[in-house]
Amino acid sequence: MRVPIRKGEIENFKAKDYSLSPAKYQELERTLARLLKRRPQEAKEVKRLAEMGDFSENVGYQMAKGRLRGLNQRILDLEDMIKKADIVIPNNNTDSVQIGHKVSLEVDGVQKMYTILGASESNPTAGIISASSPLGTALINKKMDEEFDLEINGKNRHYHITKIEI
């Protein structure tokens, strides 16, 4: 018999991308330090509410315990990400597109600029794309003035690399 997978558990099966820029790595370290400072206060609150008696009817205790569990899970996730982080320092060689480079493209006559980083920093509206995204994958190892076609969301688009910088 197959055990059903809950929506929240789907995240556990995705391969994580540990490629981080130095700025993102420092941000994760600051967040971890902040959460570690907050944990004793949350634990103290759980202990205080536990002393009020019956656990089954103590809603405050249940809520505090849930917050502490969530905080502990977030700390574990951050520690794992920091431990396994692959800090990406952009290559000074701008002959071909690599992770960490900024790429100016002409897309169907319109100029666009993208920074290629890891999946955890991806923000397409801000011009930051993942190296594992369809466009990011297509750009890696391409050279200046190179042109290519790529189908995204059912639309075939023509790309021309106009500039590669750090």
C-alpha atoms as a PDB file:
ATOM      1  CA  MET A   1       0.000   0.000   0.000  1.00  0.00           C
ATOM      2  CA  ARG A   2       1.292   3.410  -0.911  1.00  0.00           C
ATOM      3  CA  VAL A   3       1.415   6.102   1.749  1.00  0.00           C
ATOM      4  CA  PRO A   4      -0.071   9.420   0.566  1.00  0.00           C
ATOM      5  CA  ILE A   5       2.244  12.410   0.316  1.00  0.00           C
ATOM      6  CA  ARG A   6       0.967  15.636   1.823  1.00  0.00           C
ATOM      7  CA  LYS A   7       1.465  18.899  -0.054  1.00  0.00           C
ATOM      8  CA  GLY A   8       3.921  20.126   2.592  1.00  0.00           C
ATOM      9  CA  GLU A   9       6.025  17.000   2.203  1.00  0.00           C
ATOM     10  CA  ILE A  10       6.582  17.553  -1.514  1.00  0.00           C
ATOM     11  CA  GLU A  11       9.298  20.089  -0.615  1.00  0.00           C
ATOM     12  CA  ASN A  12      11.265  17.277   1.042  1.00  0.00           C
ATOM     13  CA  PHE A  13      11.724  15.499  -2.288  1.00  0.00           C
ATOM     14  CA  LYS A  14      12.991  18.451  -4.320  1.00  0.00           C
ATOM     15  CA  ALA A  15      16.729  18.714  -4.802  1.00  0.00           C
ATOM     16  CA  LYS A  16      17.973  21.791  -2.968  1.00  0.00           C
ATOM     17  CA  ASP A  17      20.261  24.293  -4.588  1.00  0.00           C
ATOM     18  CA  TYR A  18      22.978  25.344  -2.159  1.00  0.00           C
ATOM     19  CA  SER A  19      24.549  27.953  -4.474  1.00  0.00           C
ATOM     20  CA  LEU A  20      24.589  31.251  -2.590  1.00  0.00           C
ATOM     21  CA  SER A  21      26.089  34.658  -3.180  1.00  0.00           C
ATOM     22  CA  PRO A  22      28.294  35.990  -0.351  1.00  0.00           C
ATOM     23  CA  ALA A  23      25.573  38.543   0.516  1.00  0.00           C
ATOM     24  CA  LYS A  24      22.874  35.840   0.793  1.00  0.00           C
ATOM     25  CA  TYR A  25      25.206  33.687   2.929  1.00  0.00           C
ATOM     26  CA  GLN A  26      25.752  36.581   5.352  1.00  0.00           C
ATOM     27  CA  GLU A  27      22.012  37.257   5.446  1.00  0.00           C
ATOM     28  CA  LEU A  28      21.352  33.612   6.391  1.00  0.00           C
ATOM     29  CA  GLU A  29      23.977  33.805   9.151  1.00  0.00           C
ATOM     30  CA  ARG A  30      22.371  36.971  10.571  1.00  0.00           C
ATOM     31  CA  THR A  31      18.914  35.375  10.449  1.00  0.00           C
ATOM     32  CA  LEU A  32      20.222  32.255  12.209  1.00  0.00           C
ATOM     33  CA  ALA A  33      21.846  34.354  14.955  1.00  0.00           C
ATOM     34  CA  ARG A  34      18.584  36.266  15.463  1.00  0.00           C
ATOM     35  CA  LEU A  35      16.542  33.055  15.705  1.00  0.00           C
ATOM     36  CA  LEU A  36      19.026  31.458  18.109  1.00  0.00           C
ATOM     37  CA  LYS A  37      18.683  34.506  20.392  1.00  0.00           C
ATOM     38  CA  ARG A  38      14.888  34.197  20.266  1.00  0.00           C
ATOM     39  CA  ARG A  39      14.748  30.453  21.045  1.00  0.00           C
ATOM     40  CA  PRO A  40      15.398  30.694  24.833  1.00  0.00           C
ATOM     41  CA  GLN A  41      12.588  33.236  25.198  1.00  0.00           C
ATOM     42  CA  GLU A  42      10.179  30.964  23.324  1.00  0.00           C
ATOM     43  CA  ALA A  43      11.230  27.959  25.417  1.00  0.00           C
ATOM     44  CA  LYS A  44      10.737  29.983  28.594  1.00  0.00           C
ATOM     45  CA  GLU A  45       7.237  30.934  27.422  1.00  0.00           C
ATOM     46  CA  VAL A  46       6.377  27.266  26.737  1.00  0.00           C
ATOM     47  CA  LYS A  47       7.598  26.333  30.224  1.00  0.00           C
ATOM     48  CA  ARG A  48       5.595  29.163  31.831  1.00  0.00           C
ATOM     49  CA  LEU A  49       2.406  28.128  30.028  1.00  0.00           C
ATOM     50  CA  ALA A  50       2.995  24.444  30.837  1.00  0.00           C
ATOM     51  CA  GLU A  51       2.902  25.269  34.541  1.00  0.00           C
ATOM     52  CA  MET A  52      -0.695  26.450  34.168  1.00  0.00           C
ATOM     53  CA  GLY A  53      -1.986  22.905  34.215  1.00  0.00           C
ATOM     54  CA  ASP A  54      -4.013  20.694  31.878  1.00  0.00           C
ATOM     55  CA  PHE A  55      -2.217  20.483  28.511  1.00  0.00           C
ATOM     56  CA  SER A  56      -5.283  19.338  26.562  1.00  0.00           C
ATOM     57  CA  GLU A  57      -7.249  22.521  27.302  1.00  0.00           C
ATOM     58  CA  ASN A  58      -4.325  24.944  27.484  1.00  0.00           C
ATOM     59  CA  VAL A  59      -4.576  26.708  24.117  1.00  0.00           C
ATOM     60  CA  GLY A  60      -1.786  29.158  24.953  1.00  0.00           C
ATOM     61  CA  TYR A  61       0.556  26.243  25.646  1.00  0.00           C
ATOM     62  CA  GLN A  62      -0.391  24.525  22.369  1.00  0.00           C
ATOM     63  CA  MET A  63       0.223  27.727  20.400  1.00  0.00           C
ATOM     64  CA  ALA A  64       3.549  28.434  22.113  1.00  0.00           C
ATOM     65  CA  LYS A  65       4.661  24.841  21.554  1.00  0.00           C
ATOM     66  CA  GLY A  66       3.796  25.144  17.832  1.00  0.00           C
ATOM     67  CA  ARG A  67       5.765  28.405  17.567  1.00  0.00           C
ATOM     68  CA  LEU A  68       8.762  26.758  19.256  1.00  0.00           C
ATOM     69  CA  ARG A  69       8.574  23.765  16.893  1.00  0.00           C
ATOM     70  CA  GLY A  70       8.437  26.084  13.867  1.00  0.00           C
ATOM     71  CA  LEU A  71      11.356  28.118  15.193  1.00  0.00           C
ATOM     72  CA  ASN A  72      13.423  24.975  15.801  1.00  0.00           C
ATOM     73  CA  GLN A  73      12.664  23.705  12.288  1.00  0.00           C
ATOM     74  CA  ARG A  74      13.657  27.034  10.739  1.00  0.00           C
ATOM     75  CA  ILE A  75      16.931  26.958  12.736  1.00  0.00           C
ATOM     76  CA  LEU A  76      17.655  23.416  11.529  1.00  0.00           C
ATOM     77  CA  ASP A  77      16.940  24.399   7.911  1.00  0.00           C
ATOM     78  CA  LEU A  78      19.211  27.453   8.134  1.00  0.00           C
ATOM     79  CA  GLU A  79      22.018  25.474   9.783  1.00  0.00           C
ATOM     80  CA  ASP A  80      21.753  22.868   7.017  1.00  0.00           C
ATOM     81  CA  MET A  81      21.786  25.529   4.296  1.00  0.00           C
ATOM     82  CA  ILE A  82      24.793  27.297   5.845  1.00  0.00           C
ATOM     83  CA  LYS A  83      26.689  24.041   6.366  1.00  0.00           C
ATOM     84  CA  LYS A  84      26.149  22.874   2.773  1.00  0.00           C
ATOM     85  CA  ALA A  85      26.415  26.303   1.137  1.00  0.00           C
ATOM     86  CA  ASP A  86      28.402  26.623  -2.049  1.00  0.00           C
ATOM     87  CA  ILE A  87      29.382  30.299  -2.076  1.00  0.00           C
ATOM     88  CA  VAL A  88      29.444  31.543  -5.643  1.00  0.00           C
ATOM     89  CA  ILE A  89      32.083  34.137  -6.378  1.00  0.00           C
ATOM     90  CA  PRO A  90      31.649  35.403  -9.934  1.00  0.00           C
ATOM     91  CA  ASN A  91      34.417  34.446 -12.316  1.00  0.00           C
ATOM     92  CA  ASN A  92      36.367  37.495 -13.569  1.00  0.00           C
ATOM     93  CA  ASN A  93      36.467  35.916 -17.011  1.00  0.00           C
ATOM     94  CA  THR A  94      33.465  37.327 -18.844  1.00  0.00           C
ATOM     95  CA  ASP A  95      34.101  35.453 -22.092  1.00  0.00           C
ATOM     96  CA  SER A  96      31.162  33.168 -21.319  1.00  0.00           C
ATOM     97  CA  VAL A  97      28.174  33.382 -18.990  1.00  0.00           C
ATOM     98  CA  GLN A  98      28.641  31.776 -15.544  1.00  0.00           C
ATOM     99  CA  ILE A  99      26.775  31.802 -12.229  1.00  0.00           C
ATOM    100  CA  GLY A 100      27.132  35.219 -10.611  1.00  0.00           C
ATOM    101  CA  HIS A 101      27.387  37.148 -13.886  1.00  0.00           C
ATOM    102  CA  LYS A 102      25.048  39.886 -15.041  1.00  0.00           C
ATOM    103  CA  VAL A 103      23.864  39.367 -18.579  1.00  0.00           C
ATOM    104  CA  SER A 104      22.279  41.947 -20.857  1.00  0.00           C
ATOM    105  CA  LEU A 105      20.002  40.405 -23.443  1.00  0.00           C
ATOM    106  CA  GLU A 106      17.967  41.613 -26.343  1.00  0.00           C
ATOM    107  CA  VAL A 107      14.724  39.633 -26.246  1.00  0.00           C
ATOM    108  CA  ASP A 108      12.571  40.101 -29.317  1.00  0.00           C
ATOM    109  CA  GLY A 109      13.896  43.664 -29.670  1.00  0.00           C
ATOM    110  CA  VAL A 110      13.629  44.592 -25.975  1.00  0.00           C
ATOM    111  CA  GLN A 111      16.704  45.053 -23.730  1.00  0.00           C
ATOM    112  CA  LYS A 112      16.677  43.078 -20.457  1.00  0.00           C
ATOM    113  CA  MET A 113      19.316  42.459 -17.798  1.00  0.00           C
ATOM    114  CA  TYR A 114      19.496  39.347 -15.625  1.00  0.00           C
ATOM    115  CA  THR A 115      21.779  38.249 -12.815  1.00  0.00           C
ATOM    116  CA  ILE A 116      22.281  34.490 -12.670  1.00  0.00           C
ATOM    117  CA  LEU A 117      22.356  33.084  -9.125  1.00  0.00           C
ATOM    118  CA  GLY A 118      21.196  29.995  -7.230  1.00  0.00           C
ATOM    119  CA  ALA A 119      17.548  28.966  -6.906  1.00  0.00           C
ATOM    120  CA  SER A 120      17.246  30.242  -3.316  1.00  0.00           C
ATOM    121  CA  GLU A 121      17.947  33.812  -4.483  1.00  0.00           C
ATOM    122  CA  SER A 122      15.795  33.724  -7.600  1.00  0.00           C
ATOM    123  CA  ASN A 123      13.513  36.738  -8.099  1.00  0.00           C
ATOM    124  CA  PRO A 124      12.567  37.106 -11.785  1.00  0.00           C
ATOM    125  CA  THR A 125      10.717  40.403 -11.285  1.00  0.00           C
ATOM    126  CA  ALA A 126      13.952  41.903  -9.892  1.00  0.00           C
ATOM    127  CA  GLY A 127      16.000  40.446 -12.745  1.00  0.00           C
ATOM    128  CA  ILE A 128      17.566  37.612 -10.728  1.00  0.00           C
ATOM    129  CA  ILE A 129      17.144  34.195 -12.321  1.00  0.00           C
ATOM    130  CA  SER A 130      18.204  30.753 -11.200  1.00  0.00           C
ATOM    131  CA  ALA A 131      20.965  28.943 -13.047  1.00  0.00           C
ATOM    132  CA  SER A 132      18.638  25.922 -13.052  1.00  0.00           C
ATOM    133  CA  SER A 133      15.733  27.806 -14.690  1.00  0.00           C
ATOM    134  CA  PRO A 134      15.143  27.241 -18.413  1.00  0.00           C
ATOM    135  CA  LEU A 135      16.635  30.618 -19.348  1.00  0.00           C
ATOM    136  CA  GLY A 136      19.476  30.305 -16.836  1.00  0.00           C
ATOM    137  CA  THR A 137      20.367  26.847 -18.134  1.00  0.00           C
ATOM    138  CA  ALA A 138      20.308  28.131 -21.716  1.00  0.00           C
ATOM    139  CA  LEU A 139      22.560  31.100 -20.841  1.00  0.00           C
ATOM    140  CA  ILE A 140      25.298  29.171 -19.002  1.00  0.00           C
ATOM    141  CA  ASN A 141      28.478  28.928 -21.139  1.00  0.00           C
ATOM    142  CA  LYS A 142      27.046  31.140 -23.896  1.00  0.00           C
ATOM    143  CA  LYS A 143      29.375  33.835 -25.266  1.00  0.00           C
ATOM    144  CA  MET A 144      29.029  37.533 -26.058  1.00  0.00           C
ATOM    145  CA  ASP A 145      26.972  38.283 -29.228  1.00  0.00           C
ATOM    146  CA  GLU A 146      25.675  34.717 -29.277  1.00  0.00           C
ATOM    147  CA  GLU A 147      22.053  34.252 -30.336  1.00  0.00           C
ATOM    148  CA  PHE A 148      19.651  31.457 -29.496  1.00  0.00           C
ATOM    149  CA  ASP A 149      15.966  30.615 -29.484  1.00  0.00           C
ATOM    150  CA  LEU A 150      14.172  29.294 -26.411  1.00  0.00           C
ATOM    151  CA  GLU A 151      10.589  28.208 -25.866  1.00  0.00           C
ATOM    152  CA  ILE A 152       9.198  29.321 -22.490  1.00  0.00           C
ATOM    153  CA  ASN A 153       5.535  28.921 -21.565  1.00  0.00           C
ATOM    154  CA  GLY A 154       4.661  27.902 -25.104  1.00  0.00           C
ATOM    155  CA  LYS A 155       6.215  31.028 -26.629  1.00  0.00           C
ATOM    156  CA  ASN A 156       9.323  30.815 -28.777  1.00  0.00           C
ATOM    157  CA  ARG A 157      11.609  33.794 -28.144  1.00  0.00           C
ATOM    158  CA  HIS A 158      14.809  34.944 -29.773  1.00  0.00           C
ATOM    159  CA  TYR A 159      17.655  35.974 -27.423  1.00  0.00           C
ATOM    160  CA  HIS A 160      20.818  37.886 -28.246  1.00  0.00           C
ATOM    161  CA  ILE A 161      23.532  38.336 -25.582  1.00  0.00           C
ATOM    162  CA  THR A 162      24.713  41.954 -25.730  1.00  0.00           C
ATOM    163  CA  LYS A 163      26.851  42.200 -22.572  1.00  0.00           C
ATOM    164  CA  ILE A 164      28.360  39.980 -19.868  1.00  0.00           C
ATOM    165  CA  GLU A 165      29.657  41.590 -16.672  1.00  0.00           C
ATOM    166  CA  ILE A 166      30.489  40.754 -13.081  1.00  0.00           C
END
